[in-house]
PDB file of all heavy atoms in Angstrom:
ATOM      1  N   GLU A   1       8.720   0.304 -13.139  1.00  0.00           N
ATOM      2  CA  GLU A   1       7.273   0.283 -12.927  1.00  0.00           C
ATOM      3  C   GLU A   1       6.854  -0.699 -11.838  1.00  0.00           C
ATOM      4  O   GLU A   1       5.766  -0.573 -11.258  1.00  0.00           O
ATOM      5  CB  GLU A   1       6.551  -0.063 -14.229  1.00  0.00           C
ATOM      6  CG  GLU A   1       6.876  -1.440 -14.778  1.00  0.00           C
ATOM      7  CD  GLU A   1       6.129  -1.740 -16.076  1.00  0.00           C
ATOM      8  OE1 GLU A   1       5.517  -0.807 -16.640  1.00  0.00           O
ATOM      9  OE2 GLU A   1       6.170  -2.908 -16.514  1.00  0.00           O
ATOM     10  N   ASN A   2       7.715  -1.659 -11.540  1.00  0.00           N
ATOM     11  CA  ASN A   2       7.391  -2.630 -10.496  1.00  0.00           C
ATOM     12  C   ASN A   2       7.861  -2.205  -9.101  1.00  0.00           C
ATOM     13  O   ASN A   2       7.527  -2.864  -8.112  1.00  0.00           O
ATOM     14  CB  ASN A   2       7.991  -3.995 -10.834  1.00  0.00           C
ATOM     15  CG  ASN A   2       7.315  -4.633 -12.029  1.00  0.00           C
ATOM     16  OD1 ASN A   2       6.097  -4.620 -12.133  1.00  0.00           O
ATOM     17  ND2 ASN A   2       8.106  -5.166 -12.946  1.00  0.00           N
ATOM     18  N   LEU A   3       8.641  -1.116  -9.034  1.00  0.00           N
ATOM     19  CA  LEU A   3       9.033  -0.583  -7.726  1.00  0.00           C
ATOM     20  C   LEU A   3       7.868   0.249  -7.192  1.00  0.00           C
ATOM     21  O   LEU A   3       7.651   1.379  -7.606  1.00  0.00           O
ATOM     22  CB  LEU A   3      10.296   0.266  -7.843  1.00  0.00           C
ATOM     23  CG  LEU A   3      10.810   0.857  -6.527  1.00  0.00           C
ATOM     24  CD1 LEU A   3      11.210  -0.257  -5.553  1.00  0.00           C
ATOM     25  CD2 LEU A   3      11.984   1.805  -6.777  1.00  0.00           C
ATOM     26  N   LEU A   4       7.132  -0.316  -6.279  1.00  0.00           N
ATOM     27  CA  LEU A   4       5.928   0.334  -5.770  1.00  0.00           C
ATOM     28  C   LEU A   4       6.230   1.340  -4.669  1.00  0.00           C
ATOM     29  O   LEU A   4       5.532   2.335  -4.517  1.00  0.00           O
ATOM     30  CB  LEU A   4       4.944  -0.728  -5.250  1.00  0.00           C
ATOM     31  CG  LEU A   4       4.564  -1.829  -6.255  1.00  0.00           C
ATOM     32  CD1 LEU A   4       3.570  -2.792  -5.627  1.00  0.00           C
ATOM     33  CD2 LEU A   4       3.993  -1.217  -7.532  1.00  0.00           C
ATOM     34  N   VAL A   5       7.272   1.077  -3.884  1.00  0.00           N
ATOM     35  CA  VAL A   5       7.683   2.003  -2.820  1.00  0.00           C
ATOM     36  C   VAL A   5       9.201   2.046  -2.783  1.00  0.00           C
ATOM     37  O   VAL A   5       9.860   1.006  -2.637  1.00  0.00           O
ATOM     38  CB  VAL A   5       7.160   1.554  -1.437  1.00  0.00           C
ATOM     39  CG1 VAL A   5       7.606   2.542  -0.352  1.00  0.00           C
ATOM     40  CG2 VAL A   5       5.641   1.435  -1.441  1.00  0.00           C
ATOM     41  N   GLY A   6       9.762   3.236  -2.938  1.00  0.00           N
ATOM     42  CA  GLY A   6      11.200   3.430  -2.821  1.00  0.00           C
ATOM     43  C   GLY A   6      11.509   4.286  -1.606  1.00  0.00           C
ATOM     44  O   GLY A   6      10.738   4.334  -0.652  1.00  0.00           O
ATOM     45  N   PHE A   7      12.660   4.999  -1.634  1.00  0.00           N
ATOM     46  CA  PHE A   7      13.001   5.829  -0.480  1.00  0.00           C
ATOM     47  C   PHE A   7      12.617   7.294  -0.675  1.00  0.00           C
ATOM     48  O   PHE A   7      12.972   8.154   0.129  1.00  0.00           O
ATOM     49  CB  PHE A   7      14.497   5.715  -0.135  1.00  0.00           C
ATOM     50  CG  PHE A   7      15.438   6.279  -1.160  1.00  0.00           C
ATOM     51  CD1 PHE A   7      15.641   7.646  -1.273  1.00  0.00           C
ATOM     52  CD2 PHE A   7      16.162   5.442  -1.994  1.00  0.00           C
ATOM     53  CE1 PHE A   7      16.531   8.164  -2.198  1.00  0.00           C
ATOM     54  CE2 PHE A   7      17.051   5.953  -2.927  1.00  0.00           C
ATOM     55  CZ  PHE A   7      17.236   7.324  -3.026  1.00  0.00           C
ATOM     56  N   ASP A   8      11.853   7.586  -1.729  1.00  0.00           N
ATOM     57  CA  ASP A   8      11.533   8.972  -2.033  1.00  0.00           C
ATOM     58  C   ASP A   8      10.600   9.608  -1.013  1.00  0.00           C
ATOM     59  O   ASP A   8      10.554  10.835  -0.890  1.00  0.00           O
ATOM     60  CB  ASP A   8      10.911   9.078  -3.434  1.00  0.00           C
ATOM     61  CG  ASP A   8       9.729   8.154  -3.619  1.00  0.00           C
ATOM     62  OD1 ASP A   8       9.828   6.990  -3.204  1.00  0.00           O
ATOM     63  OD2 ASP A   8       8.705   8.586  -4.184  1.00  0.00           O
ATOM     64  N   LYS A   9       9.830   8.799  -0.263  1.00  0.00           N
ATOM     65  CA  LYS A   9       8.936   9.365   0.750  1.00  0.00           C
ATOM     66  C   LYS A   9       9.274   8.864   2.150  1.00  0.00           C
ATOM     67  O   LYS A   9       8.425   8.838   3.036  1.00  0.00           O
ATOM     68  CB  LYS A   9       7.484   9.048   0.405  1.00  0.00           C
ATOM     69  CG  LYS A   9       6.985   9.816  -0.814  1.00  0.00           C
ATOM     70  CD  LYS A   9       5.488   9.728  -0.976  1.00  0.00           C
ATOM     71  CE  LYS A   9       5.014  10.589  -2.149  1.00  0.00           C
ATOM     72  NZ  LYS A   9       3.556  10.508  -2.359  1.00  0.00           N
ATOM     73  N   SER A  10      10.527   8.479   2.342  1.00  0.00           N
ATOM     74  CA  SER A  10      11.017   8.090   3.670  1.00  0.00           C
ATOM     75  C   SER A  10      10.178   6.999   4.303  1.00  0.00           C
ATOM     76  O   SER A  10       9.863   7.050   5.495  1.00  0.00           O
ATOM     77  CB  SER A  10      11.058   9.322   4.599  1.00  0.00           C
ATOM     78  OG  SER A  10      11.794  10.368   4.040  1.00  0.00           O
ATOM     79  N   ASP A  11       9.814   6.006   3.521  1.00  0.00           N
ATOM     80  CA  ASP A  11       8.966   4.947   4.052  1.00  0.00           C
ATOM     81  C   ASP A  11       9.791   3.923   4.821  1.00  0.00           C
ATOM     82  O   ASP A  11      11.013   3.983   4.864  1.00  0.00           O
ATOM     83  CB  ASP A  11       8.172   4.268   2.929  1.00  0.00           C
ATOM     84  CG  ASP A  11       6.715   4.091   3.298  1.00  0.00           C
ATOM     85  OD1 ASP A  11       6.460   3.604   4.423  1.00  0.00           O
ATOM     86  OD2 ASP A  11       5.849   4.444   2.501  1.00  0.00           O
ATOM     87  N   ASP A  12       9.084   2.978   5.456  1.00  0.00           N
ATOM     88  CA  ASP A  12       9.738   2.024   6.336  1.00  0.00           C
ATOM     89  C   ASP A  12      10.487   0.931   5.585  1.00  0.00           C
ATOM     90  O   ASP A  12      11.431   0.344   6.112  1.00  0.00           O
ATOM     91  CB  ASP A  12       8.691   1.382   7.260  1.00  0.00           C
ATOM     92  CG  ASP A  12       8.031   2.406   8.163  1.00  0.00           C
ATOM     93  OD1 ASP A  12       8.759   3.031   8.955  1.00  0.00           O
ATOM     94  OD2 ASP A  12       6.810   2.589   8.072  1.00  0.00           O
ATOM     95  N   ALA A  13      10.058   0.615   4.382  1.00  0.00           N
ATOM     96  CA  ALA A  13      10.683  -0.453   3.606  1.00  0.00           C
ATOM     97  C   ALA A  13      10.420  -0.213   2.129  1.00  0.00           C
ATOM     98  O   ALA A  13       9.555   0.588   1.763  1.00  0.00           O
ATOM     99  CB  ALA A  13      10.124  -1.818   4.026  1.00  0.00           C
ATOM    100  N   SER A  14      11.172  -0.911   1.293  1.00  0.00           N
ATOM    101  CA  SER A  14      10.893  -0.844  -0.142  1.00  0.00           C
ATOM    102  C   SER A  14       9.952  -1.986  -0.510  1.00  0.00           C
ATOM    103  O   SER A  14       9.912  -3.027   0.160  1.00  0.00           O
ATOM    104  CB  SER A  14      12.183  -0.965  -0.951  1.00  0.00           C
ATOM    105  OG  SER A  14      12.816  -2.211  -0.711  1.00  0.00           O
ATOM    106  N   VAL A  15       9.170  -1.770  -1.571  1.00  0.00           N
ATOM    107  CA  VAL A  15       8.218  -2.789  -2.020  1.00  0.00           C
ATOM    108  C   VAL A  15       8.371  -2.962  -3.529  1.00  0.00           C
ATOM    109  O   VAL A  15       8.316  -1.978  -4.279  1.00  0.00           O
ATOM    110  CB  VAL A  15       6.764  -2.406  -1.692  1.00  0.00           C
ATOM    111  CG1 VAL A  15       5.813  -3.533  -2.122  1.00  0.00           C
ATOM    112  CG2 VAL A  15       6.603  -2.128  -0.196  1.00  0.00           C
ATOM    113  N   TYR A  16       8.569  -4.205  -3.953  1.00  0.00           N
ATOM    114  CA  TYR A  16       8.746  -4.504  -5.371  1.00  0.00           C
ATOM    115  C   TYR A  16       7.714  -5.539  -5.797  1.00  0.00           C
ATOM    116  O   TYR A  16       7.602  -6.621  -5.208  1.00  0.00           O
ATOM    117  CB  TYR A  16      10.160  -5.026  -5.642  1.00  0.00           C
ATOM    118  CG  TYR A  16      10.504  -5.107  -7.108  1.00  0.00           C
ATOM    119  CD1 TYR A  16      11.020  -4.005  -7.779  1.00  0.00           C
ATOM    120  CD2 TYR A  16      10.306  -6.282  -7.827  1.00  0.00           C
ATOM    121  CE1 TYR A  16      11.333  -4.063  -9.125  1.00  0.00           C
ATOM    122  CE2 TYR A  16      10.616  -6.356  -9.178  1.00  0.00           C
ATOM    123  CZ  TYR A  16      11.125  -5.237  -9.819  1.00  0.00           C
ATOM    124  OH  TYR A  16      11.433  -5.298 -11.160  1.00  0.00           O
ATOM    125  N   LYS A  17       6.969  -5.212  -6.851  1.00  0.00           N
ATOM    126  CA  LYS A  17       5.921  -6.102  -7.348  1.00  0.00           C
ATOM    127  C   LYS A  17       6.520  -7.240  -8.161  1.00  0.00           C
ATOM    128  O   LYS A  17       7.242  -7.020  -9.123  1.00  0.00           O
ATOM    129  CB  LYS A  17       4.930  -5.305  -8.213  1.00  0.00           C
ATOM    130  CG  LYS A  17       3.774  -6.128  -8.766  1.00  0.00           C
ATOM    131  CD  LYS A  17       2.839  -5.247  -9.587  1.00  0.00           C
ATOM    132  CE  LYS A  17       1.708  -6.048 -10.210  1.00  0.00           C
ATOM    133  NZ  LYS A  17       0.807  -5.179 -11.025  1.00  0.00           N
ATOM    134  N   VAL A  18       6.205  -8.474  -7.760  1.00  0.00           N
ATOM    135  CA  VAL A  18       6.662  -9.657  -8.464  1.00  0.00           C
ATOM    136  C   VAL A  18       5.592 -10.167  -9.420  1.00  0.00           C
ATOM    137  O   VAL A  18       5.881 -10.596 -10.527  1.00  0.00           O
ATOM    138  CB  VAL A  18       7.047 -10.771  -7.465  1.00  0.00           C
ATOM    139  CG1 VAL A  18       7.463 -12.048  -8.198  1.00  0.00           C
ATOM    140  CG2 VAL A  18       8.178 -10.290  -6.553  1.00  0.00           C
ATOM    141  N   SER A  19       4.342 -10.116  -8.963  1.00  0.00           N
ATOM    142  CA  SER A  19       3.216 -10.543  -9.780  1.00  0.00           C
ATOM    143  C   SER A  19       1.981  -9.777  -9.315  1.00  0.00           C
ATOM    144  O   SER A  19       2.048  -8.962  -8.387  1.00  0.00           O
ATOM    145  CB  SER A  19       2.977 -12.048  -9.639  1.00  0.00           C
ATOM    146  OG  SER A  19       2.470 -12.356  -8.349  1.00  0.00           O
ATOM    147  N   ASP A  20       0.852 -10.039  -9.940  1.00  0.00           N
ATOM    148  CA  ASP A  20      -0.388  -9.374  -9.536  1.00  0.00           C
ATOM    149  C   ASP A  20      -0.833  -9.797  -8.144  1.00  0.00           C
ATOM    150  O   ASP A  20      -1.671  -9.130  -7.528  1.00  0.00           O
ATOM    151  CB  ASP A  20      -1.512  -9.688 -10.538  1.00  0.00           C
ATOM    152  CG  ASP A  20      -1.287  -9.024 -11.891  1.00  0.00           C
ATOM    153  OD1 ASP A  20      -0.504  -8.056 -11.944  1.00  0.00           O
ATOM    154  OD2 ASP A  20      -1.895  -9.488 -12.883  1.00  0.00           O
ATOM    155  N   GLU A  21      -0.267 -10.869  -7.634  1.00  0.00           N
ATOM    156  CA  GLU A  21      -0.666 -11.387  -6.325  1.00  0.00           C
ATOM    157  C   GLU A  21       0.411 -11.241  -5.257  1.00  0.00           C
ATOM    158  O   GLU A  21       0.144 -11.475  -4.080  1.00  0.00           O
ATOM    159  CB  GLU A  21      -1.033 -12.879  -6.448  1.00  0.00           C
ATOM    160  CG  GLU A  21      -2.157 -13.172  -7.435  1.00  0.00           C
ATOM    161  CD  GLU A  21      -3.478 -12.578  -6.984  1.00  0.00           C
ATOM    162  OE1 GLU A  21      -3.722 -12.554  -5.766  1.00  0.00           O
ATOM    163  OE2 GLU A  21      -4.255 -12.131  -7.875  1.00  0.00           O
ATOM    164  N   LEU A  22       1.618 -10.851  -5.657  1.00  0.00           N
ATOM    165  CA  LEU A  22       2.733 -10.868  -4.707  1.00  0.00           C
ATOM    166  C   LEU A  22       3.682  -9.694  -4.911  1.00  0.00           C
ATOM    167  O   LEU A  22       4.067  -9.381  -6.036  1.00  0.00           O
ATOM    168  CB  LEU A  22       3.517 -12.174  -4.851  1.00  0.00           C
ATOM    169  CG  LEU A  22       4.759 -12.325  -3.970  1.00  0.00           C
ATOM    170  CD1 LEU A  22       4.363 -12.417  -2.504  1.00  0.00           C
ATOM    171  CD2 LEU A  22       5.567 -13.552  -4.385  1.00  0.00           C
ATOM    172  N   ALA A  23       4.056  -9.077  -3.801  1.00  0.00           N
ATOM    173  CA  ALA A  23       5.104  -8.062  -3.806  1.00  0.00           C
ATOM    174  C   ALA A  23       6.067  -8.368  -2.668  1.00  0.00           C
ATOM    175  O   ALA A  23       5.677  -8.888  -1.612  1.00  0.00           O
ATOM    176  CB  ALA A  23       4.509  -6.664  -3.639  1.00  0.00           C
ATOM    177  N   LEU A  24       7.347  -8.060  -2.888  1.00  0.00           N
ATOM    178  CA  LEU A  24       8.373  -8.236  -1.870  1.00  0.00           C
ATOM    179  C   LEU A  24       8.537  -6.950  -1.072  1.00  0.00           C
ATOM    180  O   LEU A  24       8.611  -5.865  -1.645  1.00  0.00           O
ATOM    181  CB  LEU A  24       9.716  -8.599  -2.505  1.00  0.00           C
ATOM    182  CG  LEU A  24       9.816  -9.917  -3.261  1.00  0.00           C
ATOM    183  CD1 LEU A  24      11.241 -10.096  -3.787  1.00  0.00           C
ATOM    184  CD2 LEU A  24       9.443 -11.084  -2.360  1.00  0.00           C
ATOM    185  N   VAL A  25       8.600  -7.094   0.243  1.00  0.00           N
ATOM    186  CA  VAL A  25       8.867  -5.968   1.139  1.00  0.00           C
ATOM    187  C   VAL A  25      10.250  -6.191   1.729  1.00  0.00           C
ATOM    188  O   VAL A  25      10.518  -7.257   2.303  1.00  0.00           O
ATOM    189  CB  VAL A  25       7.825  -5.893   2.269  1.00  0.00           C
ATOM    190  CG1 VAL A  25       8.010  -4.614   3.075  1.00  0.00           C
ATOM    191  CG2 VAL A  25       6.416  -5.981   1.719  1.00  0.00           C
ATOM    192  N   GLN A  26      11.147  -5.217   1.596  1.00  0.00           N
ATOM    193  CA  GLN A  26      12.516  -5.397   2.067  1.00  0.00           C
ATOM    194  C   GLN A  26      12.954  -4.244   2.959  1.00  0.00           C
ATOM    195  O   GLN A  26      12.670  -3.077   2.685  1.00  0.00           O
ATOM    196  CB  GLN A  26      13.477  -5.527   0.889  1.00  0.00           C
ATOM    197  CG  GLN A  26      13.296  -6.829   0.114  1.00  0.00           C
ATOM    198  CD  GLN A  26      14.439  -7.114  -0.828  1.00  0.00           C
ATOM    199  OE1 GLN A  26      14.792  -6.281  -1.640  1.00  0.00           O
ATOM    200  NE2 GLN A  26      15.020  -8.297  -0.717  1.00  0.00           N
ATOM    201  N   THR A  27      13.665  -4.594   4.024  1.00  0.00           N
ATOM    202  CA  THR A  27      14.160  -3.591   4.952  1.00  0.00           C
ATOM    203  C   THR A  27      15.452  -4.083   5.588  1.00  0.00           C
ATOM    204  O   THR A  27      15.787  -5.273   5.511  1.00  0.00           O
ATOM    205  CB  THR A  27      13.115  -3.297   6.049  1.00  0.00           C
ATOM    206  OG1 THR A  27      13.562  -2.201   6.866  1.00  0.00           O
ATOM    207  CG2 THR A  27      12.896  -4.517   6.940  1.00  0.00           C
ATOM    208  N   VAL A  28      16.177  -3.189   6.234  1.00  0.00           N
ATOM    209  CA  VAL A  28      17.378  -3.552   6.985  1.00  0.00           C
ATOM    210  C   VAL A  28      17.472  -2.614   8.188  1.00  0.00           C
ATOM    211  O   VAL A  28      17.169  -1.427   8.089  1.00  0.00           O
ATOM    212  CB  VAL A  28      18.645  -3.459   6.103  1.00  0.00           C
ATOM    213  CG1 VAL A  28      18.848  -2.045   5.569  1.00  0.00           C
ATOM    214  CG2 VAL A  28      19.876  -3.928   6.866  1.00  0.00           C
TER     215      VAL A  28
END
């Protein structure tokens, strides 16, 4: 539920929610 963006829609990076104020954006 905290994975806000995965690779299912070919997006530029993944986004994981850490808290209500912060999410991590990761790419390579």
